Amino acid sequence: MTRPAAVVAWVLTALAVTFFDSDPIAQAVVLVGAWVLLARRHVEGRRLSPLAIGLAVLGAATVAVNGLLSHTGATVVFMLPSWMPIVGGPVTAEGFASGGAIALGLVTAVSVTAALSVVIEPTDLVDALPGALHHAGAALGAALNLVPATAASVVAVRDAQRLRGWRARGVRAMVDLAVPVLLGAIDRSVQLAESMEARAFGAGRRTRATGGERSAGLVAVAAAGVLAVGIAALARASGTAAWYPYPVPTVPSVAPLALAPAALVAVAGAALPRERA
């Protein structure tokens, strides 16, 4: 299992680099690094295909919406009738280019953040946080576990209903599916509350089952993160890492100062240390 503290440090670093460096090539490098990490270190049983499909839909929708709603730019692709509300007017290549840049940033940020729920268990994430953030971390861990638990519940309830002759037809059929899922979520919440109470959650200072020793790999990932963020901030201040689609799209920068932070993040993700057996 990958060390939770190292994953958290990597996620924060990758998000910072994505924010500072708006160059599409650099963001693409971070995106590739994120998916290499997800593919190599995902927890057994966590499927990546729903995440990939959701991100593809998100990216395509962002490009389409921005392209149709942004009427700014010099390169007109086609014209929509002016009587059409909101979308009427010139549709430009710059609008689609801007939508592509926005979509790439969103997909990269979501892919990076997905490591918190795909690569490590929520309980391990809570244990990696400092004691002062224990309560907030418990709430975060429960929230991160909500989506996969609900998805698994939907599949289980759907299969059970189909064995009883249920078919998805109309709104009533969706109610037949939603009610058991909701009741199951409430039951899991009650069980979680009882488990936390049985373990005296909030009654005193938290204890750990294992020590929080640092490893050379964890220190290396943290050092690479600090270096990457520093270079990204320097590149942003110098204007090297900035890319704008207006008034006419330009070729993204391939300057070493712009690509170095993203490359460091990708390499650090591939080298994340594992827990000792």
C-alpha atoms as a PDB file:
ATOM      1  CA  MET A   1       0.000   0.000   0.000  1.00  0.00           C
ATOM      2  CA  THR A   2       1.217   3.489  -0.829  1.00  0.00           C
ATOM      3  CA  ARG A   3       2.060   5.728   2.108  1.00  0.00           C
ATOM      4  CA  PRO A   4      -0.929   8.052   2.784  1.00  0.00           C
ATOM      5  CA  ALA A   5       1.271  10.996   3.831  1.00  0.00           C
ATOM      6  CA  ALA A   6       3.217  10.753   0.584  1.00  0.00           C
ATOM      7  CA  VAL A   7       0.001  10.674  -1.471  1.00  0.00           C
ATOM      8  CA  VAL A   8      -1.378  13.727   0.329  1.00  0.00           C
ATOM      9  CA  ALA A   9       1.872  15.634  -0.223  1.00  0.00           C
ATOM     10  CA  TRP A  10       1.887  14.668  -3.895  1.00  0.00           C
ATOM     11  CA  VAL A  11      -1.735  15.717  -4.409  1.00  0.00           C
ATOM     12  CA  LEU A  12      -1.148  19.139  -2.840  1.00  0.00           C
ATOM     13  CA  THR A  13       1.962  19.632  -4.960  1.00  0.00           C
ATOM     14  CA  ALA A  14       0.259  18.562  -8.194  1.00  0.00           C
ATOM     15  CA  LEU A  15      -2.712  20.855  -7.538  1.00  0.00           C
ATOM     16  CA  ALA A  16      -0.381  23.785  -6.851  1.00  0.00           C
ATOM     17  CA  VAL A  17       1.580  23.164 -10.061  1.00  0.00           C
ATOM     18  CA  THR A  18      -1.662  22.858 -12.040  1.00  0.00           C
ATOM     19  CA  PHE A  19      -2.847  26.179 -10.605  1.00  0.00           C
ATOM     20  CA  PHE A  20       0.409  28.047 -11.219  1.00  0.00           C
ATOM     21  CA  ASP A  21       1.179  26.583 -14.642  1.00  0.00           C
ATOM     22  CA  SER A  22      -1.633  27.225 -17.138  1.00  0.00           C
ATOM     23  CA  ASP A  23       0.463  25.967 -20.050  1.00  0.00           C
ATOM     24  CA  PRO A  24      -1.499  23.082 -21.682  1.00  0.00           C
ATOM     25  CA  ILE A  25       1.597  20.954 -22.268  1.00  0.00           C
ATOM     26  CA  ALA A  26       2.622  21.176 -18.608  1.00  0.00           C
ATOM     27  CA  GLN A  27      -0.906  20.334 -17.454  1.00  0.00           C
ATOM     28  CA  ALA A  28      -0.974  17.377 -19.840  1.00  0.00           C
ATOM     29  CA  VAL A  29       2.268  16.101 -18.274  1.00  0.00           C
ATOM     30  CA  VAL A  30       0.696  16.335 -14.792  1.00  0.00           C
ATOM     31  CA  LEU A  31      -2.418  14.548 -16.102  1.00  0.00           C
ATOM     32  CA  VAL A  32      -0.332  11.692 -17.508  1.00  0.00           C
ATOM     33  CA  GLY A  33       1.561  11.426 -14.224  1.00  0.00           C
ATOM     34  CA  ALA A  34      -1.705  11.302 -12.279  1.00  0.00           C
ATOM     35  CA  TRP A  35      -3.090   8.464 -14.383  1.00  0.00           C
ATOM     36  CA  VAL A  36       0.160   6.526 -14.186  1.00  0.00           C
ATOM     37  CA  LEU A  37      -0.154   6.757 -10.401  1.00  0.00           C
ATOM     38  CA  LEU A  38      -3.839   5.750 -10.453  1.00  0.00           C
ATOM     39  CA  ALA A  39      -3.168   2.783 -12.749  1.00  0.00           C
ATOM     40  CA  ARG A  40      -0.135   1.485 -10.836  1.00  0.00           C
ATOM     41  CA  ARG A  41      -1.195   2.059  -7.230  1.00  0.00           C
ATOM     42  CA  HIS A  42      -5.007   1.946  -7.129  1.00  0.00           C
ATOM     43  CA  VAL A  43      -6.536  -0.044  -4.291  1.00  0.00           C
ATOM     44  CA  GLU A  44      -7.713  -3.494  -5.334  1.00  0.00           C
ATOM     45  CA  GLY A  45     -11.366  -3.380  -6.303  1.00  0.00           C
ATOM     46  CA  ARG A  46     -11.398   0.311  -7.218  1.00  0.00           C
ATOM     47  CA  ARG A  47     -12.407   0.637 -10.878  1.00  0.00           C
ATOM     48  CA  LEU A  48     -10.909   3.411 -12.980  1.00  0.00           C
ATOM     49  CA  SER A  49     -13.239   3.150 -15.987  1.00  0.00           C
ATOM     50  CA  PRO A  50     -16.139   5.129 -14.405  1.00  0.00           C
ATOM     51  CA  LEU A  51     -13.713   7.898 -13.500  1.00  0.00           C
ATOM     52  CA  ALA A  52     -12.275   7.952 -17.022  1.00  0.00           C
ATOM     53  CA  ILE A  53     -15.732   8.064 -18.617  1.00  0.00           C
ATOM     54  CA  GLY A  54     -16.882  10.830 -16.275  1.00  0.00           C
ATOM     55  CA  LEU A  55     -13.801  12.915 -16.990  1.00  0.00           C
ATOM     56  CA  ALA A  56     -14.241  12.430 -20.752  1.00  0.00           C
ATOM     57  CA  VAL A  57     -17.841  13.644 -20.528  1.00  0.00           C
ATOM     58  CA  LEU A  58     -16.804  16.576 -18.328  1.00  0.00           C
ATOM     59  CA  GLY A  59     -14.058  17.610 -20.736  1.00  0.00           C
ATOM     60  CA  ALA A  60     -16.231  17.328 -23.848  1.00  0.00           C
ATOM     61  CA  ALA A  61     -19.075  19.264 -22.224  1.00  0.00           C
ATOM     62  CA  THR A  62     -16.714  22.032 -21.087  1.00  0.00           C
ATOM     63  CA  VAL A  63     -15.253  22.450 -24.567  1.00  0.00           C
ATOM     64  CA  ALA A  64     -18.692  22.476 -26.212  1.00  0.00           C
ATOM     65  CA  VAL A  65     -20.280  24.904 -23.757  1.00  0.00           C
ATOM     66  CA  ASN A  66     -17.375  27.341 -23.782  1.00  0.00           C
ATOM     67  CA  GLY A  67     -17.118  27.169 -27.570  1.00  0.00           C
ATOM     68  CA  LEU A  68     -20.799  27.953 -28.048  1.00  0.00           C
ATOM     69  CA  LEU A  69     -21.098  30.624 -25.366  1.00  0.00           C
ATOM     70  CA  SER A  70     -17.821  32.475 -25.942  1.00  0.00           C
ATOM     71  CA  HIS A  71     -18.190  34.704 -28.992  1.00  0.00           C
ATOM     72  CA  THR A  72     -14.748  36.285 -28.648  1.00  0.00           C
ATOM     73  CA  GLY A  73     -11.934  35.681 -31.089  1.00  0.00           C
ATOM     74  CA  ALA A  74     -10.729  36.492 -34.558  1.00  0.00           C
ATOM     75  CA  THR A  75     -11.152  33.073 -36.203  1.00  0.00           C
ATOM     76  CA  VAL A  76     -14.861  32.526 -36.876  1.00  0.00           C
ATOM     77  CA  VAL A  77     -15.726  28.858 -37.435  1.00  0.00           C
ATOM     78  CA  PHE A  78     -19.431  29.368 -38.182  1.00  0.00           C
ATOM     79  CA  MET A  79     -22.307  31.691 -37.334  1.00  0.00           C
ATOM     80  CA  LEU A  80     -25.407  30.851 -35.357  1.00  0.00           C
ATOM     81  CA  PRO A  81     -28.615  32.836 -35.954  1.00  0.00           C
ATOM     82  CA  SER A  82     -28.860  35.914 -33.780  1.00  0.00           C
ATOM     83  CA  TRP A  83     -32.398  35.008 -32.719  1.00  0.00           C
ATOM     84  CA  MET A  84     -31.044  32.016 -30.770  1.00  0.00           C
ATOM     85  CA  PRO A  85     -30.697  33.063 -27.103  1.00  0.00           C
ATOM     86  CA  ILE A  86     -27.222  33.014 -25.535  1.00  0.00           C
ATOM     87  CA  VAL A  87     -25.561  30.916 -28.266  1.00  0.00           C
ATOM     88  CA  GLY A  88     -26.518  33.167 -31.179  1.00  0.00           C
ATOM     89  CA  GLY A  89     -23.567  34.895 -32.862  1.00  0.00           C
ATOM     90  CA  PRO A  90     -20.104  33.953 -34.093  1.00  0.00           C
ATOM     91  CA  VAL A  91     -18.588  30.696 -32.877  1.00  0.00           C
ATOM     92  CA  THR A  92     -14.823  31.031 -32.877  1.00  0.00           C
ATOM     93  CA  ALA A  93     -11.858  28.709 -32.790  1.00  0.00           C
ATOM     94  CA  GLU A  94     -10.505  30.732 -29.863  1.00  0.00           C
ATOM     95  CA  GLY A  95     -13.638  29.884 -27.867  1.00  0.00           C
ATOM     96  CA  PHE A  96     -13.064  26.167 -28.391  1.00  0.00           C
ATOM     97  CA  ALA A  97      -9.359  26.582 -27.612  1.00  0.00           C
ATOM     98  CA  SER A  98     -10.212  28.343 -24.364  1.00  0.00           C
ATOM     99  CA  GLY A  99     -12.725  25.614 -23.519  1.00  0.00           C
ATOM    100  CA  GLY A 100     -10.075  22.993 -24.188  1.00  0.00           C
ATOM    101  CA  ALA A 101      -7.654  24.723 -21.806  1.00  0.00           C
ATOM    102  CA  ILE A 102     -10.338  24.980 -19.111  1.00  0.00           C
ATOM    103  CA  ALA A 103     -11.338  21.336 -19.622  1.00  0.00           C
ATOM    104  CA  LEU A 104      -7.715  20.190 -19.392  1.00  0.00           C
ATOM    105  CA  GLY A 105      -7.262  22.046 -16.108  1.00  0.00           C
ATOM    106  CA  LEU A 106     -10.482  20.598 -14.644  1.00  0.00           C
ATOM    107  CA  VAL A 107      -9.718  17.042 -15.749  1.00  0.00           C
ATOM    108  CA  THR A 108      -6.165  17.305 -14.405  1.00  0.00           C
ATOM    109  CA  ALA A 109      -7.310  18.650 -11.022  1.00  0.00           C
ATOM    110  CA  VAL A 110      -9.981  15.954 -10.630  1.00  0.00           C
ATOM    111  CA  SER A 111      -7.575  13.198 -11.700  1.00  0.00           C
ATOM    112  CA  VAL A 112      -4.996  14.386  -9.168  1.00  0.00           C
ATOM    113  CA  THR A 113      -7.558  14.629  -6.362  1.00  0.00           C
ATOM    114  CA  ALA A 114      -8.927  11.171  -7.209  1.00  0.00           C
ATOM    115  CA  ALA A 115      -5.728   9.686  -5.788  1.00  0.00           C
ATOM    116  CA  LEU A 116      -7.063  10.440  -2.302  1.00  0.00           C
ATOM    117  CA  SER A 117      -9.892   7.944  -2.754  1.00  0.00           C
ATOM    118  CA  VAL A 118      -8.443   5.535  -5.334  1.00  0.00           C
ATOM    119  CA  VAL A 119      -4.854   5.022  -4.170  1.00  0.00           C
ATOM    120  CA  ILE A 120      -5.362   5.047  -0.404  1.00  0.00           C
ATOM    121  CA  GLU A 121      -8.148   4.057   1.955  1.00  0.00           C
ATOM    122  CA  PRO A 122     -10.085   6.890   3.668  1.00  0.00           C
ATOM    123  CA  THR A 123      -9.165   5.492   7.091  1.00  0.00           C
ATOM    124  CA  ASP A 124      -5.463   5.610   6.209  1.00  0.00           C
ATOM    125  CA  LEU A 125      -5.902   9.194   5.011  1.00  0.00           C
ATOM    126  CA  VAL A 126      -7.334  10.196   8.377  1.00  0.00           C
ATOM    127  CA  ASP A 127      -4.475   8.478  10.212  1.00  0.00           C
ATOM    128  CA  ALA A 128      -1.903  10.397   8.149  1.00  0.00           C
ATOM    129  CA  LEU A 129      -3.248  13.793   9.225  1.00  0.00           C
ATOM    130  CA  PRO A 130      -1.879  15.700  12.245  1.00  0.00           C
ATOM    131  CA  GLY A 131      -3.762  15.367  15.497  1.00  0.00           C
ATOM    132  CA  ALA A 132      -5.158  18.909  15.227  1.00  0.00           C
ATOM    133  CA  LEU A 133      -6.932  17.918  11.998  1.00  0.00           C
ATOM    134  CA  HIS A 134      -8.237  14.603  13.251  1.00  0.00           C
ATOM    135  CA  HIS A 135     -11.914  15.609  13.435  1.00  0.00           C
ATOM    136  CA  ALA A 136     -11.839  17.360  10.077  1.00  0.00           C
ATOM    137  CA  GLY A 137      -9.988  14.379   8.615  1.00  0.00           C
ATOM    138  CA  ALA A 138     -12.624  11.966   9.902  1.00  0.00           C
ATOM    139  CA  ALA A 139     -15.321  13.990   8.160  1.00  0.00           C
ATOM    140  CA  LEU A 140     -13.209  14.107   4.976  1.00  0.00           C
ATOM    141  CA  GLY A 141     -12.602  10.367   5.074  1.00  0.00           C
ATOM    142  CA  ALA A 142     -16.323   9.664   5.488  1.00  0.00           C
ATOM    143  CA  ALA A 143     -17.117  11.993   2.584  1.00  0.00           C
ATOM    144  CA  LEU A 144     -14.517  10.357   0.316  1.00  0.00           C
ATOM    145  CA  ASN A 145     -15.962   6.937   1.125  1.00  0.00           C
ATOM    146  CA  LEU A 146     -19.511   8.080   0.352  1.00  0.00           C
ATOM    147  CA  VAL A 147     -19.262   7.962  -3.451  1.00  0.00           C
ATOM    148  CA  PRO A 148     -17.763   4.452  -3.875  1.00  0.00           C
ATOM    149  CA  ALA A 149     -19.998   3.057  -1.130  1.00  0.00           C
ATOM    150  CA  THR A 150     -23.126   4.536  -2.737  1.00  0.00           C
ATOM    151  CA  ALA A 151     -22.075   3.290  -6.181  1.00  0.00           C
ATOM    152  CA  ALA A 152     -21.579  -0.233  -4.822  1.00  0.00           C
ATOM    153  CA  SER A 153     -24.955  -0.034  -3.089  1.00  0.00           C
ATOM    154  CA  VAL A 154     -26.682   1.014  -6.329  1.00  0.00           C
ATOM    155  CA  VAL A 155     -25.191  -1.965  -8.182  1.00  0.00           C
ATOM    156  CA  ALA A 156     -26.129  -4.406  -5.401  1.00  0.00           C
ATOM    157  CA  VAL A 157     -29.709  -3.116  -5.097  1.00  0.00           C
ATOM    158  CA  ARG A 158     -30.180  -3.062  -8.881  1.00  0.00           C
ATOM    159  CA  ASP A 159     -29.000  -6.658  -9.227  1.00  0.00           C
ATOM    160  CA  ALA A 160     -31.222  -7.799  -6.373  1.00  0.00           C
ATOM    161  CA  GLN A 161     -34.248  -6.013  -7.854  1.00  0.00           C
ATOM    162  CA  ARG A 162     -33.626  -7.556 -11.279  1.00  0.00           C
ATOM    163  CA  LEU A 163     -33.568 -11.030  -9.743  1.00  0.00           C
ATOM    164  CA  ARG A 164     -37.058 -10.232  -8.437  1.00  0.00           C
ATOM    165  CA  GLY A 165     -38.303  -9.206 -11.891  1.00  0.00           C
ATOM    166  CA  TRP A 166     -37.730  -5.447 -11.592  1.00  0.00           C
ATOM    167  CA  ARG A 167     -37.200  -3.457 -14.783  1.00  0.00           C
ATOM    168  CA  ALA A 168     -36.102   0.186 -15.132  1.00  0.00           C
ATOM    169  CA  ARG A 169     -39.235   1.715 -16.597  1.00  0.00           C
ATOM    170  CA  GLY A 170     -40.374   5.203 -15.708  1.00  0.00           C
ATOM    171  CA  VAL A 171     -39.965   7.331 -12.591  1.00  0.00           C
ATOM    172  CA  ARG A 172     -41.544   4.718 -10.306  1.00  0.00           C
ATOM    173  CA  ALA A 173     -38.781   2.273 -11.158  1.00  0.00           C
ATOM    174  CA  MET A 174     -36.174   4.836 -10.148  1.00  0.00           C
ATOM    175  CA  VAL A 175     -37.965   5.316  -6.828  1.00  0.00           C
ATOM    176  CA  ASP A 176     -37.842   1.550  -6.261  1.00  0.00           C
ATOM    177  CA  LEU A 177     -34.082   1.772  -6.725  1.00  0.00           C
ATOM    178  CA  ALA A 178     -33.458   4.996  -4.803  1.00  0.00           C
ATOM    179  CA  VAL A 179     -35.330   4.111  -1.612  1.00  0.00           C
ATOM    180  CA  PRO A 180     -33.278   0.989  -0.713  1.00  0.00           C
ATOM    181  CA  VAL A 181     -30.064   2.831  -1.584  1.00  0.00           C
ATOM    182  CA  LEU A 182     -31.048   5.719   0.708  1.00  0.00           C
ATOM    183  CA  LEU A 183     -32.016   3.362   3.535  1.00  0.00           C
ATOM    184  CA  GLY A 184     -28.704   1.554   3.124  1.00  0.00           C
ATOM    185  CA  ALA A 185     -26.805   4.844   3.316  1.00  0.00           C
ATOM    186  CA  ILE A 186     -28.640   5.766   6.530  1.00  0.00           C
ATOM    187  CA  ASP A 187     -27.884   2.340   8.002  1.00  0.00           C
ATOM    188  CA  ARG A 188     -24.174   2.696   7.150  1.00  0.00           C
ATOM    189  CA  SER A 189     -24.143   6.152   8.745  1.00  0.00           C
ATOM    190  CA  VAL A 190     -25.654   4.769  11.959  1.00  0.00           C
ATOM    191  CA  GLN A 191     -23.120   1.928  12.007  1.00  0.00           C
ATOM    192  CA  LEU A 192     -20.276   4.397  11.489  1.00  0.00           C
ATOM    193  CA  ALA A 193     -21.514   6.590  14.333  1.00  0.00           C
ATOM    194  CA  GLU A 194     -21.815   3.592  16.657  1.00  0.00           C
ATOM    195  CA  SER A 195     -18.325   2.386  15.724  1.00  0.00           C
ATOM    196  CA  MET A 196     -16.850   5.833  16.381  1.00  0.00           C
ATOM    197  CA  GLU A 197     -18.645   6.043  19.714  1.00  0.00           C
ATOM    198  CA  ALA A 198     -17.446   2.559  20.704  1.00  0.00           C
ATOM    199  CA  ARG A 199     -13.879   3.694  19.997  1.00  0.00           C
ATOM    200  CA  ALA A 200     -14.343   6.839  22.124  1.00  0.00           C
ATOM    201  CA  PHE A 201     -13.989   9.180  19.155  1.00  0.00           C
ATOM    202  CA  GLY A 202     -13.505  12.746  20.395  1.00  0.00           C
ATOM    203  CA  ALA A 203     -13.089  11.679  24.018  1.00  0.00           C
ATOM    204  CA  GLY A 204      -9.371  12.328  24.178  1.00  0.00           C
ATOM    205  CA  ARG A 205      -6.118  12.478  22.344  1.00  0.00           C
ATOM    206  CA  ARG A 206      -5.845  10.172  19.353  1.00  0.00           C
ATOM    207  CA  THR A 207      -3.580   7.130  19.550  1.00  0.00           C
ATOM    208  CA  ARG A 208      -1.852   5.371  16.640  1.00  0.00           C
ATOM    209  CA  ALA A 209      -1.521   1.669  15.970  1.00  0.00           C
ATOM    210  CA  THR A 210       1.787   2.192  14.187  1.00  0.00           C
ATOM    211  CA  GLY A 211       4.487   4.781  14.362  1.00  0.00           C
ATOM    212  CA  GLY A 212       4.648   7.736  11.995  1.00  0.00           C
ATOM    213  CA  GLU A 213       8.273   7.286  11.030  1.00  0.00           C
ATOM    214  CA  ARG A 214       9.518   9.021   7.939  1.00  0.00           C
ATOM    215  CA  SER A 215      11.228   7.246   5.093  1.00  0.00           C
ATOM    216  CA  ALA A 216      13.812   8.416   2.608  1.00  0.00           C
ATOM    217  CA  GLY A 217      11.222   8.058  -0.151  1.00  0.00           C
ATOM    218  CA  LEU A 218       8.708  10.260   1.654  1.00  0.00           C
ATOM    219  CA  VAL A 219      11.319  12.945   2.280  1.00  0.00           C
ATOM    220  CA  ALA A 220      12.344  12.791  -1.395  1.00  0.00           C
ATOM    221  CA  VAL A 221       8.738  13.221  -2.557  1.00  0.00           C
ATOM    222  CA  ALA A 222       8.250  16.179  -0.219  1.00  0.00           C
ATOM    223  CA  ALA A 223      11.496  17.809  -1.364  1.00  0.00           C
ATOM    224  CA  ALA A 224      10.549  17.321  -5.029  1.00  0.00           C
ATOM    225  CA  GLY A 225       7.168  18.875  -4.280  1.00  0.00           C
ATOM    226  CA  VAL A 226       8.650  21.965  -2.677  1.00  0.00           C
ATOM    227  CA  LEU A 227      11.074  22.360  -5.574  1.00  0.00           C
ATOM    228  CA  ALA A 228       8.303  21.917  -8.162  1.00  0.00           C
ATOM    229  CA  VAL A 229       6.045  24.501  -6.531  1.00  0.00           C
ATOM    230  CA  GLY A 230       8.922  26.973  -6.268  1.00  0.00           C
ATOM    231  CA  ILE A 231       9.828  26.595  -9.944  1.00  0.00           C
ATOM    232  CA  ALA A 232       6.164  26.834 -10.965  1.00  0.00           C
ATOM    233  CA  ALA A 233       5.733  30.063  -9.002  1.00  0.00           C
ATOM    234  CA  LEU A 234       8.887  31.488 -10.596  1.00  0.00           C
ATOM    235  CA  ALA A 235       7.693  30.489 -14.074  1.00  0.00           C
ATOM    236  CA  ARG A 236       4.300  32.076 -13.431  1.00  0.00           C
ATOM    237  CA  ALA A 237       5.875  35.311 -12.188  1.00  0.00           C
ATOM    238  CA  SER A 238       8.104  35.496 -15.275  1.00  0.00           C
ATOM    239  CA  GLY A 239       5.168  34.820 -17.610  1.00  0.00           C
ATOM    240  CA  THR A 240       6.728  31.639 -18.977  1.00  0.00           C
ATOM    241  CA  ALA A 241       4.012  29.339 -17.655  1.00  0.00           C
ATOM    242  CA  ALA A 242       1.070  31.441 -18.847  1.00  0.00           C
ATOM    243  CA  TRP A 243      -0.911  30.600 -21.980  1.00  0.00           C
ATOM    244  CA  TYR A 244      -3.839  32.580 -23.373  1.00  0.00           C
ATOM    245  CA  PRO A 245      -6.075  31.647 -26.332  1.00  0.00           C
ATOM    246  CA  TYR A 246      -6.983  35.244 -27.109  1.00  0.00           C
ATOM    247  CA  PRO A 247      -6.892  37.170 -29.379  1.00  0.00           C
ATOM    248  CA  VAL A 248      -5.349  34.346 -31.457  1.00  0.00           C
ATOM    249  CA  PRO A 249      -4.205  30.998 -29.986  1.00  0.00           C
ATOM    250  CA  THR A 250      -0.462  30.562 -29.820  1.00  0.00           C
ATOM    251  CA  VAL A 251       1.665  27.456 -29.596  1.00  0.00           C
ATOM    252  CA  PRO A 252       2.073  26.447 -25.921  1.00  0.00           C
ATOM    253  CA  SER A 253       5.484  27.048 -24.431  1.00  0.00           C
ATOM    254  CA  VAL A 254       7.997  24.221 -24.294  1.00  0.00           C
ATOM    255  CA  ALA A 255      10.459  26.200 -22.201  1.00  0.00           C
ATOM    256  CA  PRO A 256      12.253  24.104 -19.559  1.00  0.00           C
ATOM    257  CA  LEU A 257      11.123  26.519 -16.841  1.00  0.00           C
ATOM    258  CA  ALA A 258       7.482  25.840 -17.737  1.00  0.00           C
ATOM    259  CA  LEU A 259       7.775  22.061 -18.085  1.00  0.00           C
ATOM    260  CA  ALA A 260      10.176  21.306 -15.209  1.00  0.00           C
ATOM    261  CA  PRO A 261       7.554  21.507 -12.381  1.00  0.00           C
ATOM    262  CA  ALA A 262       5.158  19.207 -14.230  1.00  0.00           C
ATOM    263  CA  ALA A 263       7.941  16.738 -14.971  1.00  0.00           C
ATOM    264  CA  LEU A 264       8.980  16.712 -11.297  1.00  0.00           C
ATOM    265  CA  VAL A 265       5.383  16.036 -10.250  1.00  0.00           C
ATOM    266  CA  ALA A 266       5.021  13.169 -12.731  1.00  0.00           C
ATOM    267  CA  VAL A 267       8.286  11.550 -11.636  1.00  0.00           C
ATOM    268  CA  ALA A 268       7.417  11.983  -7.951  1.00  0.00           C
ATOM    269  CA  GLY A 269       4.053  10.310  -8.527  1.00  0.00           C
ATOM    270  CA  ALA A 270       5.723   7.311 -10.148  1.00  0.00           C
ATOM    271  CA  ALA A 271       8.187   7.070  -7.245  1.00  0.00           C
ATOM    272  CA  LEU A 272       5.716   7.307  -4.356  1.00  0.00           C
ATOM    273  CA  PRO A 273       6.922   5.017  -1.562  1.00  0.00           C
ATOM    274  CA  ARG A 274       4.928   2.060  -0.302  1.00  0.00           C
ATOM    275  CA  GLU A 275       4.241   1.036   3.268  1.00  0.00           C
ATOM    276  CA  ARG A 276       6.529  -1.616   4.663  1.00  0.00           C
ATOM    277  CA  ALA A 277       4.971  -5.050   4.739  1.00  0.00           C
END
